[in-house]
Amino acid sequence: MKPKPNLARQIARYSELGMLLPASTIVGYIIGYVLDKWLATTYLYLVFLLLGIAAGFVQLIRELNKDGSDGKS
């Protein structure tokens, strides 16, 4: 039987999930912005922004599935 996690761990876990999507979105935008300035283009920030959003959702879904699949079937 698994011990019940304490409140501080649960708060830390879900605040991490809450910051996952905004952080990946910001990182994707920054990478695209820097590449736009370096390569003198105007569209890469949008491409990397969308990639950052997609990566954030993928990681969020993986983390939530990890929580849901604790061995109970």
PDB file of N, CA and C in Angstrom:
ATOM      1  N   MET A   1       0.841  -1.181   0.000  1.00  0.00           N
ATOM      2  CA  MET A   1       0.000   0.000   0.000  1.00  0.00           C
ATOM      3  C   MET A   1       0.884   1.242   0.000  1.00  0.00           C
ATOM      4  N   LYS A   2       0.601   2.158  -0.925  1.00  0.00           N
ATOM      5  CA  LYS A   2       1.398   3.373  -1.040  1.00  0.00           C
ATOM      6  C   LYS A   2       1.010   4.366   0.049  1.00  0.00           C
ATOM      7  N   PRO A   3       2.004   5.052   0.623  1.00  0.00           N
ATOM      8  CA  PRO A   3       1.660   6.071   1.609  1.00  0.00           C
ATOM      9  C   PRO A   3       1.037   7.280   0.923  1.00  0.00           C
ATOM     10  N   LYS A   4       0.132   7.935   1.626  1.00  0.00           N
ATOM     11  CA  LYS A   4      -0.538   9.105   1.078  1.00  0.00           C
ATOM     12  C   LYS A   4       0.443  10.282   1.061  1.00  0.00           C
ATOM     13  N   PRO A   5       0.604  10.948  -0.100  1.00  0.00           N
ATOM     14  CA  PRO A   5       1.539  12.067  -0.156  1.00  0.00           C
ATOM     15  C   PRO A   5       1.036  13.240   0.678  1.00  0.00           C
ATOM     16  N   ASN A   6       1.992  13.963   1.278  1.00  0.00           N
ATOM     17  CA  ASN A   6       1.570  15.075   2.118  1.00  0.00           C
ATOM     18  C   ASN A   6       1.173  16.277   1.270  1.00  0.00           C
ATOM     19  N   LEU A   7       0.606  17.267   1.916  1.00  0.00           N
ATOM     20  CA  LEU A   7       0.052  18.419   1.222  1.00  0.00           C
ATOM     21  C   LEU A   7       1.120  19.219   0.485  1.00  0.00           C
ATOM     22  N   ALA A   8       2.290  19.380   1.076  1.00  0.00           N
ATOM     23  CA  ALA A   8       3.354  20.162   0.440  1.00  0.00           C
ATOM     24  C   ALA A   8       3.805  19.515  -0.872  1.00  0.00           C
ATOM     25  N   ARG A   9       3.903  18.201  -0.892  1.00  0.00           N
ATOM     26  CA  ARG A   9       4.287  17.509  -2.130  1.00  0.00           C
ATOM     27  C   ARG A   9       3.218  17.654  -3.202  1.00  0.00           C
ATOM     28  N   GLN A  10       1.972  17.577  -2.813  1.00  0.00           N
ATOM     29  CA  GLN A  10       0.890  17.726  -3.779  1.00  0.00           C
ATOM     30  C   GLN A  10       0.866  19.140  -4.351  1.00  0.00           C
ATOM     31  N   ILE A  11       1.081  20.135  -3.518  1.00  0.00           N
ATOM     32  CA  ILE A  11       1.118  21.517  -3.990  1.00  0.00           C
ATOM     33  C   ILE A  11       2.276  21.714  -4.948  1.00  0.00           C
ATOM     34  N   ALA A  12       3.435  21.177  -4.618  1.00  0.00           N
ATOM     35  CA  ALA A  12       4.606  21.302  -5.493  1.00  0.00           C
ATOM     36  C   ALA A  12       4.368  20.593  -6.816  1.00  0.00           C
ATOM     37  N   ARG A  13       3.775  19.426  -6.766  1.00  0.00           N
ATOM     38  CA  ARG A  13       3.518  18.638  -7.987  1.00  0.00           C
ATOM     39  C   ARG A  13       2.590  19.370  -8.945  1.00  0.00           C
ATOM     40  N   TYR A  14       1.487  19.890  -8.415  1.00  0.00           N
ATOM     41  CA  TYR A  14       0.512  20.526  -9.292  1.00  0.00           C
ATOM     42  C   TYR A  14       0.910  21.944  -9.675  1.00  0.00           C
ATOM     43  N   SER A  15       1.725  22.615  -8.890  1.00  0.00           N
ATOM     44  CA  SER A  15       2.240  23.912  -9.335  1.00  0.00           C
ATOM     45  C   SER A  15       3.260  23.710 -10.451  1.00  0.00           C
ATOM     46  N   GLU A  16       3.999  22.600 -10.413  1.00  0.00           N
ATOM     47  CA  GLU A  16       4.891  22.258 -11.523  1.00  0.00           C
ATOM     48  C   GLU A  16       4.090  22.046 -12.804  1.00  0.00           C
ATOM     49  N   LEU A  17       2.984  21.344 -12.706  1.00  0.00           N
ATOM     50  CA  LEU A  17       2.131  21.133 -13.877  1.00  0.00           C
ATOM     51  C   LEU A  17       1.540  22.447 -14.376  1.00  0.00           C
ATOM     52  N   GLY A  18       1.242  23.353 -13.456  1.00  0.00           N
ATOM     53  CA  GLY A  18       0.687  24.640 -13.839  1.00  0.00           C
ATOM     54  C   GLY A  18       1.683  25.526 -14.567  1.00  0.00           C
ATOM     55  N   MET A  19       2.965  25.341 -14.321  1.00  0.00           N
ATOM     56  CA  MET A  19       3.993  26.154 -14.977  1.00  0.00           C
ATOM     57  C   MET A  19       4.548  25.506 -16.235  1.00  0.00           C
ATOM     58  N   LEU A  20       4.215  24.271 -16.465  1.00  0.00           N
ATOM     59  CA  LEU A  20       4.768  23.536 -17.604  1.00  0.00           C
ATOM     60  C   LEU A  20       4.373  24.140 -18.946  1.00  0.00           C
ATOM     61  N   LEU A  21       3.107  24.388 -19.147  1.00  0.00           N
ATOM     62  CA  LEU A  21       2.627  24.907 -20.430  1.00  0.00           C
ATOM     63  C   LEU A  21       3.112  26.335 -20.697  1.00  0.00           C
ATOM     64  N   PRO A  22       3.002  27.265 -19.746  1.00  0.00           N
ATOM     65  CA  PRO A  22       3.521  28.605 -20.027  1.00  0.00           C
ATOM     66  C   PRO A  22       5.029  28.628 -20.262  1.00  0.00           C
ATOM     67  N   ALA A  23       5.770  27.818 -19.543  1.00  0.00           N
ATOM     68  CA  ALA A  23       7.225  27.806 -19.708  1.00  0.00           C
ATOM     69  C   ALA A  23       7.618  27.295 -21.086  1.00  0.00           C
ATOM     70  N   SER A  24       6.995  26.227 -21.541  1.00  0.00           N
ATOM     71  CA  SER A  24       7.348  25.701 -22.861  1.00  0.00           C
ATOM     72  C   SER A  24       6.908  26.657 -23.969  1.00  0.00           C
ATOM     73  N   THR A  25       5.812  27.353 -23.772  1.00  0.00           N
ATOM     74  CA  THR A  25       5.363  28.342 -24.748  1.00  0.00           C
ATOM     75  C   THR A  25       6.353  29.500 -24.840  1.00  0.00           C
ATOM     76  N   ILE A  26       6.803  29.995 -23.703  1.00  0.00           N
ATOM     77  CA  ILE A  26       7.758  31.104 -23.684  1.00  0.00           C
ATOM     78  C   ILE A  26       9.091  30.690 -24.291  1.00  0.00           C
ATOM     79  N   VAL A  27       9.552  29.503 -23.969  1.00  0.00           N
ATOM     80  CA  VAL A  27      10.822  29.027 -24.529  1.00  0.00           C
ATOM     81  C   VAL A  27      10.717  28.892 -26.049  1.00  0.00           C
ATOM     82  N   GLY A  28       9.613  28.352 -26.538  1.00  0.00           N
ATOM     83  CA  GLY A  28       9.424  28.234 -27.986  1.00  0.00           C
ATOM     84  C   GLY A  28       9.412  29.588 -28.666  1.00  0.00           C
ATOM     85  N   TYR A  29       8.745  30.558 -28.051  1.00  0.00           N
ATOM     86  CA  TYR A  29       8.699  31.905 -28.622  1.00  0.00           C
ATOM     87  C   TYR A  29      10.089  32.541 -28.645  1.00  0.00           C
ATOM     88  N   ILE A  30      10.826  32.404 -27.564  1.00  0.00           N
ATOM     89  CA  ILE A  30      12.168  33.004 -27.490  1.00  0.00           C
ATOM     90  C   ILE A  30      13.093  32.389 -28.538  1.00  0.00           C
ATOM     91  N   ILE A  31      13.048  31.082 -28.690  1.00  0.00           N
ATOM     92  CA  ILE A  31      13.886  30.429 -29.706  1.00  0.00           C
ATOM     93  C   ILE A  31      13.526  30.950 -31.097  1.00  0.00           C
ATOM     94  N   GLY A  32      12.243  31.034 -31.394  1.00  0.00           N
ATOM     95  CA  GLY A  32      11.817  31.549 -32.686  1.00  0.00           C
ATOM     96  C   GLY A  32      12.190  33.001 -32.896  1.00  0.00           C
ATOM     97  N   TYR A  33      12.067  33.812 -31.865  1.00  0.00           N
ATOM     98  CA  TYR A  33      12.418  35.223 -31.959  1.00  0.00           C
ATOM     99  C   TYR A  33      13.912  35.401 -32.246  1.00  0.00           C
ATOM    100  N   VAL A  34      14.742  34.651 -31.519  1.00  0.00           N
ATOM    101  CA  VAL A  34      16.188  34.740 -31.732  1.00  0.00           C
ATOM    102  C   VAL A  34      16.555  34.281 -33.140  1.00  0.00           C
ATOM    103  N   LEU A  35      15.954  33.194 -33.594  1.00  0.00           N
ATOM    104  CA  LEU A  35      16.223  32.725 -34.956  1.00  0.00           C
ATOM    105  C   LEU A  35      15.738  33.723 -36.006  1.00  0.00           C
ATOM    106  N   ASP A  36      14.614  34.378 -35.749  1.00  0.00           N
ATOM    107  CA  ASP A  36      14.137  35.409 -36.667  1.00  0.00           C
ATOM    108  C   ASP A  36      15.135  36.550 -36.785  1.00  0.00           C
ATOM    109  N   LYS A  37      15.657  36.997 -35.667  1.00  0.00           N
ATOM    110  CA  LYS A  37      16.641  38.088 -35.692  1.00  0.00           C
ATOM    111  C   LYS A  37      17.930  37.652 -36.372  1.00  0.00           C
ATOM    112  N   TRP A  38      18.344  36.419 -36.103  1.00  0.00           N
ATOM    113  CA  TRP A  38      19.609  35.919 -36.648  1.00  0.00           C
ATOM    114  C   TRP A  38      19.519  35.682 -38.157  1.00  0.00           C
ATOM    115  N   LEU A  39      18.400  35.116 -38.609  1.00  0.00           N
ATOM    116  CA  LEU A  39      18.244  34.766 -40.018  1.00  0.00           C
ATOM    117  C   LEU A  39      17.483  35.824 -40.826  1.00  0.00           C
ATOM    118  N   ALA A  40      17.088  36.921 -40.188  1.00  0.00           N
ATOM    119  CA  ALA A  40      16.355  38.020 -40.830  1.00  0.00           C
ATOM    120  C   ALA A  40      15.067  37.524 -41.493  1.00  0.00           C
ATOM    121  N   THR A  41      14.306  36.730 -40.749  1.00  0.00           N
ATOM    122  CA  THR A  41      13.000  36.254 -41.218  1.00  0.00           C
ATOM    123  C   THR A  41      11.914  36.860 -40.349  1.00  0.00           C
ATOM    124  N   THR A  42      10.663  36.581 -40.684  1.00  0.00           N
ATOM    125  CA  THR A  42       9.561  37.164 -39.904  1.00  0.00           C
ATOM    126  C   THR A  42       8.528  36.129 -39.442  1.00  0.00           C
ATOM    127  N   TYR A  43       8.760  34.867 -39.669  1.00  0.00           N
ATOM    128  CA  TYR A  43       7.730  33.867 -39.364  1.00  0.00           C
ATOM    129  C   TYR A  43       8.186  32.777 -38.399  1.00  0.00           C
ATOM    130  N   LEU A  44       9.455  32.667 -38.124  1.00  0.00           N
ATOM    131  CA  LEU A  44       9.931  31.554 -37.298  1.00  0.00           C
ATOM    132  C   LEU A  44       9.421  31.630 -35.859  1.00  0.00           C
ATOM    133  N   TYR A  45       9.159  32.830 -35.369  1.00  0.00           N
ATOM    134  CA  TYR A  45       8.644  32.921 -34.010  1.00  0.00           C
ATOM    135  C   TYR A  45       7.284  32.239 -33.895  1.00  0.00           C
ATOM    136  N   LEU A  46       6.469  32.327 -34.949  1.00  0.00           N
ATOM    137  CA  LEU A  46       5.173  31.643 -34.928  1.00  0.00           C
ATOM    138  C   LEU A  46       5.333  30.126 -34.964  1.00  0.00           C
ATOM    139  N   VAL A  47       6.264  29.661 -35.789  1.00  0.00           N
ATOM    140  CA  VAL A  47       6.506  28.214 -35.896  1.00  0.00           C
ATOM    141  C   VAL A  47       6.959  27.663 -34.554  1.00  0.00           C
ATOM    142  N   PHE A  48       7.926  28.318 -33.938  1.00  0.00           N
ATOM    143  CA  PHE A  48       8.439  27.805 -32.673  1.00  0.00           C
ATOM    144  C   PHE A  48       7.480  28.049 -31.511  1.00  0.00           C
ATOM    145  N   LEU A  49       6.663  29.076 -31.612  1.00  0.00           N
ATOM    146  CA  LEU A  49       5.621  29.280 -30.611  1.00  0.00           C
ATOM    147  C   LEU A  49       4.645  28.110 -30.635  1.00  0.00           C
ATOM    148  N   LEU A  50       4.215  27.724 -31.824  1.00  0.00           N
ATOM    149  CA  LEU A  50       3.298  26.580 -31.945  1.00  0.00           C
ATOM    150  C   LEU A  50       3.964  25.278 -31.508  1.00  0.00           C
ATOM    151  N   LEU A  51       5.240  25.113 -31.845  1.00  0.00           N
ATOM    152  CA  LEU A  51       5.962  23.917 -31.381  1.00  0.00           C
ATOM    153  C   LEU A  51       6.081  23.897 -29.861  1.00  0.00           C
ATOM    154  N   GLY A  52       6.312  25.046 -29.256  1.00  0.00           N
ATOM    155  CA  GLY A  52       6.387  25.126 -27.797  1.00  0.00           C
ATOM    156  C   GLY A  52       5.064  24.782 -27.145  1.00  0.00           C
ATOM    157  N   ILE A  53       3.985  25.279 -27.708  1.00  0.00           N
ATOM    158  CA  ILE A  53       2.653  24.968 -27.182  1.00  0.00           C
ATOM    159  C   ILE A  53       2.371  23.474 -27.301  1.00  0.00           C
ATOM    160  N   ALA A  54       2.682  22.906 -28.469  1.00  0.00           N
ATOM    161  CA  ALA A  54       2.456  21.472 -28.669  1.00  0.00           C
ATOM    162  C   ALA A  54       3.308  20.643 -27.707  1.00  0.00           C
ATOM    163  N   ALA A  55       4.567  21.032 -27.535  1.00  0.00           N
ATOM    164  CA  ALA A  55       5.439  20.301 -26.618  1.00  0.00           C
ATOM    165  C   ALA A  55       4.923  20.400 -25.186  1.00  0.00           C
ATOM    166  N   GLY A  56       4.405  21.555 -24.820  1.00  0.00           N
ATOM    167  CA  GLY A  56       3.842  21.723 -23.479  1.00  0.00           C
ATOM    168  C   GLY A  56       2.638  20.831 -23.248  1.00  0.00           C
ATOM    169  N   PHE A  57       1.751  20.762 -24.237  1.00  0.00           N
ATOM    170  CA  PHE A  57       0.580  19.894 -24.100  1.00  0.00           C
ATOM    171  C   PHE A  57       0.977  18.423 -24.044  1.00  0.00           C
ATOM    172  N   VAL A  58       1.935  18.028 -24.858  1.00  0.00           N
ATOM    173  CA  VAL A  58       2.380  16.629 -24.851  1.00  0.00           C
ATOM    174  C   VAL A  58       2.952  16.275 -23.476  1.00  0.00           C
ATOM    175  N   GLN A  59       3.789  17.138 -22.943  1.00  0.00           N
ATOM    176  CA  GLN A  59       4.386  16.855 -21.639  1.00  0.00           C
ATOM    177  C   GLN A  59       3.339  16.880 -20.530  1.00  0.00           C
ATOM    178  N   LEU A  60       2.384  17.800 -20.617  1.00  0.00           N
ATOM    179  CA  LEU A  60       1.312  17.867 -19.635  1.00  0.00           C
ATOM    180  C   LEU A  60       0.485  16.587 -19.650  1.00  0.00           C
ATOM    181  N   ILE A  61       0.154  16.098 -20.837  1.00  0.00           N
ATOM    182  CA  ILE A  61      -0.628  14.861 -20.950  1.00  0.00           C
ATOM    183  C   ILE A  61       0.175  13.678 -20.411  1.00  0.00           C
ATOM    184  N   ARG A  62       1.475  13.634 -20.704  1.00  0.00           N
ATOM    185  CA  ARG A  62       2.309  12.546 -20.169  1.00  0.00           C
ATOM    186  C   ARG A  62       2.325  12.550 -18.645  1.00  0.00           C
ATOM    187  N   GLU A  63       2.472  13.730 -18.063  1.00  0.00           N
ATOM    188  CA  GLU A  63       2.513  13.820 -16.603  1.00  0.00           C
ATOM    189  C   GLU A  63       1.172  13.447 -15.982  1.00  0.00           C
ATOM    190  N   LEU A  64       0.082  13.885 -16.592  1.00  0.00           N
ATOM    191  CA  LEU A  64      -1.230  13.543 -16.051  1.00  0.00           C
ATOM    192  C   LEU A  64      -1.530  12.062 -16.212  1.00  0.00           C
ATOM    193  N   ASN A  65      -1.080  11.449 -17.314  1.00  0.00           N
ATOM    194  CA  ASN A  65      -1.261  10.006 -17.477  1.00  0.00           C
ATOM    195  C   ASN A  65      -0.428   9.232 -16.467  1.00  0.00           C
ATOM    196  N   LYS A  66       0.740   9.748 -16.132  1.00  0.00           N
ATOM    197  CA  LYS A  66       1.561   9.109 -15.118  1.00  0.00           C
ATOM    198  C   LYS A  66       0.868   9.119 -13.778  1.00  0.00           C
ATOM    199  N   ASP A  67       0.153  10.208 -13.468  1.00  0.00           N
ATOM    200  CA  ASP A  67      -0.618  10.284 -12.235  1.00  0.00           C
ATOM    201  C   ASP A  67      -1.788   9.312 -12.243  1.00  0.00           C
ATOM    202  N   GLY A  68      -2.436   9.190 -13.391  1.00  0.00           N
ATOM    203  CA  GLY A  68      -3.622   8.336 -13.488  1.00  0.00           C
ATOM    204  C   GLY A  68      -3.328   6.862 -13.542  1.00  0.00           C
ATOM    205  N   SER A  69      -2.127   6.489 -13.977  1.00  0.00           N
ATOM    206  CA  SER A  69      -1.798   5.070 -14.115  1.00  0.00           C
ATOM    207  C   SER A  69      -0.889   4.628 -12.972  1.00  0.00           C
ATOM    208  N   ASP A  70      -1.438   4.615 -11.778  1.00  0.00           N
ATOM    209  CA  ASP A  70      -0.641   4.224 -10.612  1.00  0.00           C
ATOM    210  C   ASP A  70      -0.774   2.732 -10.294  1.00  0.00           C
ATOM    211  N   GLY A  71      -1.154   1.954 -11.293  1.00  0.00           N
ATOM    212  CA  GLY A  71      -1.207   0.516 -11.103  1.00  0.00           C
ATOM    213  C   GLY A  71      -2.590  -0.024 -10.838  1.00  0.00           C
ATOM    214  N   LYS A  72      -3.569   0.842 -10.731  1.00  0.00           N
ATOM    215  CA  LYS A  72      -4.941   0.397 -10.489  1.00  0.00           C
ATOM    216  C   LYS A  72      -5.625   0.107 -11.808  1.00  0.00           C
ATOM    217  N   SER A  73      -6.202  -1.067 -11.945  1.00  0.00           N
ATOM    218  CA  SER A  73      -6.919  -1.417 -13.183  1.00  0.00           C
ATOM    219  C   SER A  73      -8.280  -1.966 -12.890  1.00  0.00           C
TER     220      SER A  73
END
